[in-house]
Amino acid sequence: MRKLGNPFALKLPSDQTFFGLTAAYDKVVMDQCFELGYYGNNTLTIMEAYSLPVNVRSYYYAKLVGVKEAEAAAAEKAQQENKGKRR
């Protein structure tokens, strides 16, 4: 007869990341904090960005990325217009 284990026993994953965040996620957070501090014209320090709630930090980061992309697009458009005027 086959012995069955306790059907109510909870099987938890035993990997290192179960009780904490992965190294990849930690790198994403640190990159966001650095970029908010560095490219945000010193509106936030890296530690202030790190202390923000996740949803607030993500919002500010998305806004910063959008602003920087718009600036890059405007600069490229101006450069293309200048090339056209030189000819």
PDB file of N, CA and C in Angstrom:
ATOM      1  N   MET A   1       0.848  -1.174   0.000  1.00  0.00           N
ATOM      2  CA  MET A   1       0.000   0.000   0.000  1.00  0.00           C
ATOM      3  C   MET A   1       0.898   1.242   0.000  1.00  0.00           C
ATOM      4  N   ARG A   2       0.531   2.196  -0.811  1.00  0.00           N
ATOM      5  CA  ARG A   2       1.306   3.431  -0.957  1.00  0.00           C
ATOM      6  C   ARG A   2       0.945   4.404   0.157  1.00  0.00           C
ATOM      7  N   LYS A   3       1.972   4.916   0.812  1.00  0.00           N
ATOM      8  CA  LYS A   3       1.743   5.851   1.911  1.00  0.00           C
ATOM      9  C   LYS A   3       1.643   7.271   1.355  1.00  0.00           C
ATOM     10  N   LEU A   4       0.586   7.934   1.679  1.00  0.00           N
ATOM     11  CA  LEU A   4       0.402   9.315   1.248  1.00  0.00           C
ATOM     12  C   LEU A   4       0.937  10.253   2.309  1.00  0.00           C
ATOM     13  N   GLY A   5       1.533  11.352   1.850  1.00  0.00           N
ATOM     14  CA  GLY A   5       2.006  12.371   2.780  1.00  0.00           C
ATOM     15  C   GLY A   5       0.834  13.164   3.329  1.00  0.00           C
ATOM     16  N   ASN A   6       1.133  14.057   4.192  1.00  0.00           N
ATOM     17  CA  ASN A   6       0.110  14.911   4.765  1.00  0.00           C
ATOM     18  C   ASN A   6      -0.474  15.795   3.664  1.00  0.00           C
ATOM     19  N   PRO A   7      -1.760  15.654   3.329  1.00  0.00           N
ATOM     20  CA  PRO A   7      -2.343  16.458   2.245  1.00  0.00           C
ATOM     21  C   PRO A   7      -2.436  17.939   2.590  1.00  0.00           C
ATOM     22  N   PHE A   8      -2.269  18.275   3.865  1.00  0.00           N
ATOM     23  CA  PHE A   8      -2.369  19.662   4.289  1.00  0.00           C
ATOM     24  C   PHE A   8      -1.004  20.329   4.447  1.00  0.00           C
ATOM     25  N   ALA A   9       0.046  19.575   4.145  1.00  0.00           N
ATOM     26  CA  ALA A   9       1.392  20.144   4.274  1.00  0.00           C
ATOM     27  C   ALA A   9       1.590  21.186   3.185  1.00  0.00           C
ATOM     28  N   LEU A  10       2.124  22.293   3.566  1.00  0.00           N
ATOM     29  CA  LEU A  10       2.373  23.392   2.635  1.00  0.00           C
ATOM     30  C   LEU A  10       3.761  23.226   2.038  1.00  0.00           C
ATOM     31  N   LYS A  11       3.823  23.179   0.725  1.00  0.00           N
ATOM     32  CA  LYS A  11       5.112  23.054   0.061  1.00  0.00           C
ATOM     33  C   LYS A  11       5.520  24.423  -0.444  1.00  0.00           C
ATOM     34  N   LEU A  12       6.596  24.920   0.127  1.00  0.00           N
ATOM     35  CA  LEU A  12       7.096  26.239  -0.242  1.00  0.00           C
ATOM     36  C   LEU A  12       8.298  26.099  -1.159  1.00  0.00           C
ATOM     37  N   PRO A  13       8.439  27.038  -2.093  1.00  0.00           N
ATOM     38  CA  PRO A  13       9.648  26.992  -2.918  1.00  0.00           C
ATOM     39  C   PRO A  13      10.874  27.234  -2.043  1.00  0.00           C
ATOM     40  N   SER A  14      11.963  26.589  -2.384  1.00  0.00           N
ATOM     41  CA  SER A  14      13.141  26.705  -1.534  1.00  0.00           C
ATOM     42  C   SER A  14      14.262  27.513  -2.163  1.00  0.00           C
ATOM     43  N   ASP A  15      13.952  28.244  -3.228  1.00  0.00           N
ATOM     44  CA  ASP A  15      15.014  29.038  -3.845  1.00  0.00           C
ATOM     45  C   ASP A  15      15.315  30.279  -3.002  1.00  0.00           C
ATOM     46  N   GLN A  16      16.416  30.921  -3.296  1.00  0.00           N
ATOM     47  CA  GLN A  16      16.882  32.053  -2.497  1.00  0.00           C
ATOM     48  C   GLN A  16      15.970  33.263  -2.602  1.00  0.00           C
ATOM     49  N   THR A  17      15.232  33.392  -3.676  1.00  0.00           N
ATOM     50  CA  THR A  17      14.454  34.604  -3.902  1.00  0.00           C
ATOM     51  C   THR A  17      13.066  34.548  -3.280  1.00  0.00           C
ATOM     52  N   PHE A  18      12.720  33.462  -2.630  1.00  0.00           N
ATOM     53  CA  PHE A  18      11.358  33.357  -2.117  1.00  0.00           C
ATOM     54  C   PHE A  18      11.048  34.428  -1.086  1.00  0.00           C
ATOM     55  N   PHE A  19      11.980  34.707  -0.193  1.00  0.00           N
ATOM     56  CA  PHE A  19      11.712  35.670   0.867  1.00  0.00           C
ATOM     57  C   PHE A  19      12.316  37.040   0.597  1.00  0.00           C
ATOM     58  N   GLY A  20      12.688  37.288  -0.609  1.00  0.00           N
ATOM     59  CA  GLY A  20      13.283  38.581  -0.910  1.00  0.00           C
ATOM     60  C   GLY A  20      13.172  38.893  -2.395  1.00  0.00           C
ATOM     61  N   LEU A  21      13.726  40.008  -2.778  1.00  0.00           N
ATOM     62  CA  LEU A  21      13.686  40.425  -4.159  1.00  0.00           C
ATOM     63  C   LEU A  21      14.878  39.845  -4.904  1.00  0.00           C
ATOM     64  N   THR A  22      14.705  39.637  -6.185  1.00  0.00           N
ATOM     65  CA  THR A  22      15.787  39.086  -6.982  1.00  0.00           C
ATOM     66  C   THR A  22      16.852  40.151  -7.224  1.00  0.00           C
ATOM     67  N   ALA A  23      18.024  39.708  -7.602  1.00  0.00           N
ATOM     68  CA  ALA A  23      19.110  40.634  -7.915  1.00  0.00           C
ATOM     69  C   ALA A  23      18.755  41.462  -9.145  1.00  0.00           C
ATOM     70  N   ALA A  24      18.039  40.868 -10.095  1.00  0.00           N
ATOM     71  CA  ALA A  24      17.640  41.602 -11.303  1.00  0.00           C
ATOM     72  C   ALA A  24      16.689  42.746 -10.946  1.00  0.00           C
ATOM     73  N   TYR A  25      15.730  42.490 -10.066  1.00  0.00           N
ATOM     74  CA  TYR A  25      14.807  43.550  -9.655  1.00  0.00           C
ATOM     75  C   TYR A  25      15.545  44.638  -8.890  1.00  0.00           C
ATOM     76  N   ASP A  26      16.466  44.229  -8.040  1.00  0.00           N
ATOM     77  CA  ASP A  26      17.248  45.198  -7.272  1.00  0.00           C
ATOM     78  C   ASP A  26      18.040  46.108  -8.210  1.00  0.00           C
ATOM     79  N   LYS A  27      18.593  45.555  -9.286  1.00  0.00           N
ATOM     80  CA  LYS A  27      19.335  46.349 -10.258  1.00  0.00           C
ATOM     81  C   LYS A  27      18.411  47.347 -10.958  1.00  0.00           C
ATOM     82  N   VAL A  28      17.209  46.933 -11.304  1.00  0.00           N
ATOM     83  CA  VAL A  28      16.246  47.839 -11.940  1.00  0.00           C
ATOM     84  C   VAL A  28      15.931  49.010 -11.020  1.00  0.00           C
ATOM     85  N   VAL A  29      15.703  48.719  -9.744  1.00  0.00           N
ATOM     86  CA  VAL A  29      15.395  49.775  -8.771  1.00  0.00           C
ATOM     87  C   VAL A  29      16.568  50.738  -8.639  1.00  0.00           C
ATOM     88  N   MET A  30      17.766  50.202  -8.520  1.00  0.00           N
ATOM     89  CA  MET A  30      18.948  51.059  -8.379  1.00  0.00           C
ATOM     90  C   MET A  30      19.180  51.898  -9.638  1.00  0.00           C
ATOM     91  N   ASP A  31      18.951  51.310 -10.822  1.00  0.00           N
ATOM     92  CA  ASP A  31      19.088  52.070 -12.070  1.00  0.00           C
ATOM     93  C   ASP A  31      18.068  53.202 -12.122  1.00  0.00           C
ATOM     94  N   GLN A  32      16.833  52.906 -11.728  1.00  0.00           N
ATOM     95  CA  GLN A  32      15.806  53.953 -11.714  1.00  0.00           C
ATOM     96  C   GLN A  32      16.199  55.082 -10.762  1.00  0.00           C
ATOM     97  N   CYS A  33      16.651  54.733  -9.593  1.00  0.00           N
ATOM     98  CA  CYS A  33      17.030  55.753  -8.601  1.00  0.00           C
ATOM     99  C   CYS A  33      18.193  56.600  -9.114  1.00  0.00           C
ATOM    100  N   PHE A  34      19.172  55.955  -9.708  1.00  0.00           N
ATOM    101  CA  PHE A  34      20.310  56.696 -10.246  1.00  0.00           C
ATOM    102  C   PHE A  34      19.859  57.644 -11.348  1.00  0.00           C
ATOM    103  N   GLU A  35      19.049  57.140 -12.285  1.00  0.00           N
ATOM    104  CA  GLU A  35      18.616  57.974 -13.405  1.00  0.00           C
ATOM    105  C   GLU A  35      17.710  59.104 -12.953  1.00  0.00           C
ATOM    106  N   LEU A  36      16.867  58.865 -11.958  1.00  0.00           N
ATOM    107  CA  LEU A  36      16.049  59.956 -11.425  1.00  0.00           C
ATOM    108  C   LEU A  36      16.922  61.032 -10.796  1.00  0.00           C
ATOM    109  N   GLY A  37      17.961  60.611 -10.107  1.00  0.00           N
ATOM    110  CA  GLY A  37      18.859  61.584  -9.492  1.00  0.00           C
ATOM    111  C   GLY A  37      19.744  62.278 -10.507  1.00  0.00           C
ATOM    112  N   TYR A  38      20.275  61.537 -11.457  1.00  0.00           N
ATOM    113  CA  TYR A  38      21.252  62.081 -12.401  1.00  0.00           C
ATOM    114  C   TYR A  38      20.589  62.912 -13.499  1.00  0.00           C
ATOM    115  N   TYR A  39      19.567  62.362 -14.137  1.00  0.00           N
ATOM    116  CA  TYR A  39      18.931  63.051 -15.259  1.00  0.00           C
ATOM    117  C   TYR A  39      17.771  63.937 -14.835  1.00  0.00           C
ATOM    118  N   GLY A  40      17.383  63.872 -13.579  1.00  0.00           N
ATOM    119  CA  GLY A  40      16.266  64.671 -13.094  1.00  0.00           C
ATOM    120  C   GLY A  40      16.668  66.067 -12.667  1.00  0.00           C
ATOM    121  N   ASN A  41      17.819  66.535 -13.124  1.00  0.00           N
ATOM    122  CA  ASN A  41      18.310  67.880 -12.796  1.00  0.00           C
ATOM    123  C   ASN A  41      18.353  68.120 -11.285  1.00  0.00           C
ATOM    124  N   ASN A  42      18.771  67.092 -10.568  1.00  0.00           N
ATOM    125  CA  ASN A  42      18.946  67.165  -9.116  1.00  0.00           C
ATOM    126  C   ASN A  42      17.675  67.546  -8.361  1.00  0.00           C
ATOM    127  N   THR A  43      16.522  67.164  -8.886  1.00  0.00           N
ATOM    128  CA  THR A  43      15.284  67.400  -8.147  1.00  0.00           C
ATOM    129  C   THR A  43      15.130  66.383  -7.019  1.00  0.00           C
ATOM    130  N   LEU A  44      15.706  65.191  -7.204  1.00  0.00           N
ATOM    131  CA  LEU A  44      15.699  64.151  -6.175  1.00  0.00           C
ATOM    132  C   LEU A  44      17.116  63.622  -6.015  1.00  0.00           C
ATOM    133  N   THR A  45      17.478  63.319  -4.800  1.00  0.00           N
ATOM    134  CA  THR A  45      18.737  62.597  -4.612  1.00  0.00           C
ATOM    135  C   THR A  45      18.453  61.119  -4.843  1.00  0.00           C
ATOM    136  N   ILE A  46      19.501  60.353  -4.982  1.00  0.00           N
ATOM    137  CA  ILE A  46      19.325  58.917  -5.192  1.00  0.00           C
ATOM    138  C   ILE A  46      18.628  58.291  -3.986  1.00  0.00           C
ATOM    139  N   MET A  47      18.976  58.703  -2.806  1.00  0.00           N
ATOM    140  CA  MET A  47      18.354  58.140  -1.603  1.00  0.00           C
ATOM    141  C   MET A  47      16.885  58.566  -1.467  1.00  0.00           C
ATOM    142  N   GLU A  48      16.566  59.788  -1.876  1.00  0.00           N
ATOM    143  CA  GLU A  48      15.164  60.203  -1.857  1.00  0.00           C
ATOM    144  C   GLU A  48      14.357  59.374  -2.845  1.00  0.00           C
ATOM    145  N   ALA A  49      14.910  59.135  -4.030  1.00  0.00           N
ATOM    146  CA  ALA A  49      14.222  58.314  -5.025  1.00  0.00           C
ATOM    147  C   ALA A  49      14.034  56.896  -4.508  1.00  0.00           C
ATOM    148  N   TYR A  50      15.044  56.358  -3.824  1.00  0.00           N
ATOM    149  CA  TYR A  50      14.966  55.001  -3.282  1.00  0.00           C
ATOM    150  C   TYR A  50      13.900  54.908  -2.195  1.00  0.00           C
ATOM    151  N   SER A  51      13.702  55.985  -1.455  1.00  0.00           N
ATOM    152  CA  SER A  51      12.739  55.987  -0.355  1.00  0.00           C
ATOM    153  C   SER A  51      11.294  56.173  -0.813  1.00  0.00           C
ATOM    154  N   LEU A  52      11.090  56.554  -2.060  1.00  0.00           N
ATOM    155  CA  LEU A  52       9.728  56.759  -2.553  1.00  0.00           C
ATOM    156  C   LEU A  52       8.977  55.436  -2.622  1.00  0.00           C
ATOM    157  N   PRO A  53       7.656  55.486  -2.455  1.00  0.00           N
ATOM    158  CA  PRO A  53       6.868  54.273  -2.693  1.00  0.00           C
ATOM    159  C   PRO A  53       7.048  53.816  -4.146  1.00  0.00           C
ATOM    160  N   VAL A  54       6.924  52.526  -4.377  1.00  0.00           N
ATOM    161  CA  VAL A  54       7.200  51.959  -5.701  1.00  0.00           C
ATOM    162  C   VAL A  54       6.349  52.609  -6.786  1.00  0.00           C
ATOM    163  N   ASN A  55       5.057  52.799  -6.524  1.00  0.00           N
ATOM    164  CA  ASN A  55       4.196  53.368  -7.560  1.00  0.00           C
ATOM    165  C   ASN A  55       4.562  54.817  -7.870  1.00  0.00           C
ATOM    166  N   VAL A  56       4.969  55.572  -6.879  1.00  0.00           N
ATOM    167  CA  VAL A  56       5.365  56.970  -7.102  1.00  0.00           C
ATOM    168  C   VAL A  56       6.680  57.027  -7.868  1.00  0.00           C
ATOM    169  N   ARG A  57       7.650  56.202  -7.454  1.00  0.00           N
ATOM    170  CA  ARG A  57       8.933  56.172  -8.151  1.00  0.00           C
ATOM    171  C   ARG A  57       8.747  55.737  -9.603  1.00  0.00           C
ATOM    172  N   SER A  58       7.904  54.749  -9.848  1.00  0.00           N
ATOM    173  CA  SER A  58       7.651  54.279 -11.206  1.00  0.00           C
ATOM    174  C   SER A  58       6.999  55.369 -12.055  1.00  0.00           C
ATOM    175  N   TYR A  59       6.087  56.122 -11.451  1.00  0.00           N
ATOM    176  CA  TYR A  59       5.433  57.217 -12.168  1.00  0.00           C
ATOM    177  C   TYR A  59       6.446  58.287 -12.557  1.00  0.00           C
ATOM    178  N   TYR A  60       7.263  58.725 -11.598  1.00  0.00           N
ATOM    179  CA  TYR A  60       8.279  59.741 -11.883  1.00  0.00           C
ATOM    180  C   TYR A  60       9.273  59.255 -12.927  1.00  0.00           C
ATOM    181  N   TYR A  61       9.636  57.991 -12.840  1.00  0.00           N
ATOM    182  CA  TYR A  61      10.588  57.442 -13.808  1.00  0.00           C
ATOM    183  C   TYR A  61       9.981  57.427 -15.212  1.00  0.00           C
ATOM    184  N   ALA A  62       8.725  57.011 -15.321  1.00  0.00           N
ATOM    185  CA  ALA A  62       8.057  56.993 -16.629  1.00  0.00           C
ATOM    186  C   ALA A  62       7.940  58.407 -17.199  1.00  0.00           C
ATOM    187  N   LYS A  63       7.626  59.370 -16.350  1.00  0.00           N
ATOM    188  CA  LYS A  63       7.551  60.761 -16.808  1.00  0.00           C
ATOM    189  C   LYS A  63       8.918  61.258 -17.267  1.00  0.00           C
ATOM    190  N   LEU A  64       9.973  60.940 -16.520  1.00  0.00           N
ATOM    191  CA  LEU A  64      11.319  61.354 -16.897  1.00  0.00           C
ATOM    192  C   LEU A  64      11.716  60.757 -18.238  1.00  0.00           C
ATOM    193  N   VAL A  65      11.428  59.478 -18.441  1.00  0.00           N
ATOM    194  CA  VAL A  65      11.747  58.825 -19.708  1.00  0.00           C
ATOM    195  C   VAL A  65      10.985  59.500 -20.850  1.00  0.00           C
ATOM    196  N   GLY A  66       9.715  59.813 -20.639  1.00  0.00           N
ATOM    197  CA  GLY A  66       8.923  60.482 -21.667  1.00  0.00           C
ATOM    198  C   GLY A  66       9.466  61.857 -22.016  1.00  0.00           C
ATOM    199  N   VAL A  67       9.848  62.619 -21.008  1.00  0.00           N
ATOM    200  CA  VAL A  67      10.401  63.962 -21.236  1.00  0.00           C
ATOM    201  C   VAL A  67      11.723  63.874 -21.996  1.00  0.00           C
ATOM    202  N   LYS A  68      12.592  62.957 -21.590  1.00  0.00           N
ATOM    203  CA  LYS A  68      13.897  62.817 -22.255  1.00  0.00           C
ATOM    204  C   LYS A  68      13.734  62.326 -23.694  1.00  0.00           C
ATOM    205  N   GLU A  69      12.789  61.444 -23.943  1.00  0.00           N
ATOM    206  CA  GLU A  69      12.530  60.994 -25.324  1.00  0.00           C
ATOM    207  C   GLU A  69      12.002  62.141 -26.175  1.00  0.00           C
ATOM    208  N   ALA A  70      11.116  62.969 -25.612  1.00  0.00           N
ATOM    209  CA  ALA A  70      10.592  64.122 -26.345  1.00  0.00           C
ATOM    210  C   ALA A  70      11.707  65.124 -26.639  1.00  0.00           C
ATOM    211  N   GLU A  71      12.594  65.334 -25.677  1.00  0.00           N
ATOM    212  CA  GLU A  71      13.731  66.234 -25.903  1.00  0.00           C
ATOM    213  C   GLU A  71      14.636  65.706 -27.012  1.00  0.00           C
ATOM    214  N   ALA A  72      14.890  64.408 -27.011  1.00  0.00           N
ATOM    215  CA  ALA A  72      15.744  63.812 -28.036  1.00  0.00           C
ATOM    216  C   ALA A  72      15.097  63.917 -29.412  1.00  0.00           C
ATOM    217  N   ALA A  73      13.790  63.698 -29.484  1.00  0.00           N
ATOM    218  CA  ALA A  73      13.079  63.813 -30.757  1.00  0.00           C
ATOM    219  C   ALA A  73      13.103  65.253 -31.267  1.00  0.00           C
ATOM    220  N   ALA A  74      12.915  66.215 -30.371  1.00  0.00           N
ATOM    221  CA  ALA A  74      12.944  67.623 -30.769  1.00  0.00           C
ATOM    222  C   ALA A  74      14.332  68.026 -31.245  1.00  0.00           C
ATOM    223  N   ALA A  75      15.365  67.539 -30.571  1.00  0.00           N
ATOM    224  CA  ALA A  75      16.736  67.862 -30.977  1.00  0.00           C
ATOM    225  C   ALA A  75      17.045  67.258 -32.348  1.00  0.00           C
ATOM    226  N   GLU A  76      16.600  66.035 -32.572  1.00  0.00           N
ATOM    227  CA  GLU A  76      16.841  65.406 -33.873  1.00  0.00           C
ATOM    228  C   GLU A  76      16.069  66.120 -34.981  1.00  0.00           C
ATOM    229  N   LYS A  77      14.848  66.536 -34.689  1.00  0.00           N
ATOM    230  CA  LYS A  77      14.060  67.267 -35.678  1.00  0.00           C
ATOM    231  C   LYS A  77      14.742  68.597 -36.020  1.00  0.00           C
ATOM    232  N   ALA A  78      15.232  69.304 -35.019  1.00  0.00           N
ATOM    233  CA  ALA A  78      15.926  70.575 -35.254  1.00  0.00           C
ATOM    234  C   ALA A  78      17.201  70.343 -36.059  1.00  0.00           C
ATOM    235  N   GLN A  79      17.891  69.260 -35.782  1.00  0.00           N
ATOM    236  CA  GLN A  79      19.112  68.945 -36.525  1.00  0.00           C
ATOM    237  C   GLN A  79      18.790  68.639 -37.983  1.00  0.00           C
ATOM    238  N   GLN A  80      17.715  67.915 -38.224  1.00  0.00           N
ATOM    239  CA  GLN A  80      17.304  67.606 -39.601  1.00  0.00           C
ATOM    240  C   GLN A  80      16.896  68.877 -40.341  1.00  0.00           C
ATOM    241  N   GLU A  81      16.202  69.784 -39.656  1.00  0.00           N
ATOM    242  CA  GLU A  81      15.805  71.047 -40.278  1.00  0.00           C
ATOM    243  C   GLU A  81      17.030  71.897 -40.611  1.00  0.00           C
ATOM    244  N   ASN A  82      18.024  71.900 -39.739  1.00  0.00           N
ATOM    245  CA  ASN A  82      19.251  72.651 -39.991  1.00  0.00           C
ATOM    246  C   ASN A  82      20.017  72.078 -41.172  1.00  0.00           C
ATOM    247  N   LYS A  83      20.032  70.772 -41.328  1.00  0.00           N
ATOM    248  CA  LYS A  83      20.688  70.145 -42.470  1.00  0.00           C
ATOM    249  C   LYS A  83      20.000  70.551 -43.770  1.00  0.00           C
ATOM    250  N   GLY A  84      18.669  70.617 -43.731  1.00  0.00           N
ATOM    251  CA  GLY A  84      17.915  70.992 -44.926  1.00  0.00           C
ATOM    252  C   GLY A  84      18.142  72.442 -45.316  1.00  0.00           C
ATOM    253  N   LYS A  85      18.334  73.322 -44.366  1.00  0.00           N
ATOM    254  CA  LYS A  85      18.534  74.746 -44.638  1.00  0.00           C
ATOM    255  C   LYS A  85      19.937  75.021 -45.182  1.00  0.00           C
ATOM    256  N   ARG A  86      20.897  74.185 -44.839  1.00  0.00           N
ATOM    257  CA  ARG A  86      22.278  74.387 -45.283  1.00  0.00           C
ATOM    258  C   ARG A  86      22.450  74.103 -46.779  1.00  0.00           C
ATOM    259  N   ARG A  87      21.653  73.262 -47.319  1.00  0.00           N
ATOM    260  CA  ARG A  87      21.816  72.857 -48.723  1.00  0.00           C
ATOM    261  C   ARG A  87      21.350  73.911 -49.638  1.00  0.00           C
TER     262      ARG A  87
END
